[in-house]
């Protein structure tokens, strides 16, 4: 599975206000595989990824929708990741970094 880090922290977007949703396209460079999608994130920011599971055919691409919501403003960056665990044992990590900000 080809993967690039999430781009939610462009300098102009690194200060998260409310909820922000981004989409990432992942491409399977191996054999067909089914992935379970989970998230881990610092408690200051809620992180959700959809779909919760997906099958990606060999050579095909799928979109993962990632939403981040500020729970508390700390003045520090929060770190986490979206994890895609494959049925063939592969593990794909999409790093996530955000800083909650009051509008």
Protein backbone atom coordinates (compact mmCIF):
# COMPACT_ATOMS: atom_id res chain seq x y z
CA UNK A 1 0.00 0.00 0.00
CA UNK A 2 1.53 3.32 -1.04
CA UNK A 3 1.20 6.01 1.59
CA UNK A 4 2.11 9.63 2.24
CA UNK A 5 1.83 11.53 5.54
CA UNK A 6 -1.41 13.38 6.11
CA UNK A 7 -1.29 17.03 5.11
CA UNK A 8 -3.61 18.52 7.72
CA UNK A 9 -0.79 20.53 9.17
CA UNK A 10 0.12 22.84 6.35
CA UNK A 11 1.32 25.97 8.13
CA UNK A 12 -1.94 27.75 7.29
CA UNK A 13 -4.03 24.80 8.56
CA UNK A 14 -2.04 23.59 11.55
CA UNK A 15 -4.27 25.50 13.98
CA UNK A 16 -7.38 23.36 14.17
CA UNK A 17 -10.64 25.19 14.89
CA UNK A 18 -13.77 23.08 15.45
CA UNK A 19 -13.77 20.12 13.08
CA UNK A 20 -11.67 19.64 9.97
CA UNK A 21 -12.10 16.80 7.49
CA UNK A 22 -9.51 15.68 4.95
CA UNK A 23 -9.45 12.84 2.45
CA UNK A 24 -6.48 10.60 1.75
CA UNK A 25 -6.17 8.29 -1.21
CA UNK A 26 -4.33 5.03 -0.58
CA UNK A 27 -3.17 2.79 -3.42
CA UNK A 28 -2.54 -0.94 -3.14
CA UNK A 29 0.78 -1.84 -4.78
CA UNK A 30 0.51 -5.50 -3.75
CA UNK A 31 -2.12 -8.23 -3.82
CA UNK A 32 -5.76 -7.62 -2.96
CA UNK A 33 -6.06 -7.03 0.79
CA UNK A 34 -8.73 -6.11 3.32
CA UNK A 35 -7.83 -3.42 5.85
CA UNK A 36 -9.35 -2.57 9.22
CA UNK A 37 -9.04 1.17 9.89
CA UNK A 38 -8.41 2.42 13.45
CA UNK A 39 -7.11 5.64 15.01
CA UNK A 40 -4.93 6.74 17.92
CA UNK A 41 -4.71 10.38 19.01
CA UNK A 42 -3.84 12.58 21.97
CA UNK A 43 -7.00 13.21 24.04
CA UNK A 44 -7.10 16.94 23.19
CA UNK A 45 -8.23 16.14 19.64
CA UNK A 46 -10.83 13.59 18.54
CA UNK A 47 -9.75 11.61 15.48
CA UNK A 48 -12.13 9.58 13.32
CA UNK A 49 -11.46 7.70 10.08
CA UNK A 50 -13.94 6.15 7.65
CA UNK A 51 -14.63 3.60 6.34
CA UNK A 52 -13.95 1.32 9.33
CA UNK A 53 -12.84 -1.44 6.92
CA UNK A 54 -12.18 -1.72 3.20
CA UNK A 55 -10.94 -4.14 0.58
CA UNK A 56 -8.44 -2.69 -1.87
CA UNK A 57 -7.88 -4.64 -5.07
CA UNK A 58 -4.38 -5.00 -6.48
CA UNK A 59 -3.43 -1.73 -8.20
CA UNK A 60 -6.61 0.01 -7.05
CA UNK A 61 -7.06 3.08 -4.86
CA UNK A 62 -9.53 3.88 -2.08
CA UNK A 63 -10.30 7.07 -0.18
CA UNK A 64 -10.05 7.31 3.62
CA UNK A 65 -11.95 10.25 5.16
CA UNK A 66 -10.28 11.60 8.29
CA UNK A 67 -11.98 14.04 10.69
CA UNK A 68 -10.30 15.91 13.55
CA UNK A 69 -12.26 17.78 16.23
CA UNK A 70 -10.85 20.01 18.98
CA UNK A 71 -11.75 18.75 22.46
CA UNK A 72 -9.52 21.14 24.42
CA UNK A 73 -7.04 23.90 23.62
CA UNK A 74 -3.61 23.30 25.18
CA UNK A 75 -1.29 25.48 23.09
CA UNK A 76 0.65 22.34 22.08
CA UNK A 77 0.55 20.05 19.10
CA UNK A 78 -1.35 16.78 19.45
CA UNK A 79 0.03 13.69 17.74
CA UNK A 80 -1.68 10.55 16.51
CA UNK A 81 -2.15 8.28 13.55
CA UNK A 82 -4.61 6.45 11.36
CA UNK A 83 -3.75 2.74 11.21
CA UNK A 84 -4.73 0.40 8.39
CA UNK A 85 -4.19 -3.23 9.43
CA UNK A 86 -4.22 -5.59 6.47
CA UNK A 87 -5.47 -9.16 6.25
CA UNK A 88 -2.07 -10.18 4.81
CA UNK A 89 -0.20 -8.72 7.78
CA UNK A 90 0.61 -5.29 6.35
CA UNK A 91 0.35 -2.21 8.56
CA UNK A 92 -0.02 1.26 7.06
CA UNK A 93 0.36 4.35 9.27
CA UNK A 94 -0.84 7.82 8.37
CA UNK A 95 0.69 10.30 10.86
CA UNK A 96 -1.60 13.08 12.14
CA UNK A 97 -0.54 16.31 13.87
CA UNK A 98 -2.85 19.16 14.92
CA UNK A 99 -3.06 22.02 17.40
CA UNK A 100 -6.44 23.02 18.79
CA UNK A 101 -7.15 26.74 18.51
CA UNK A 102 -9.96 29.07 19.64
CA UNK A 103 -11.53 30.97 16.76
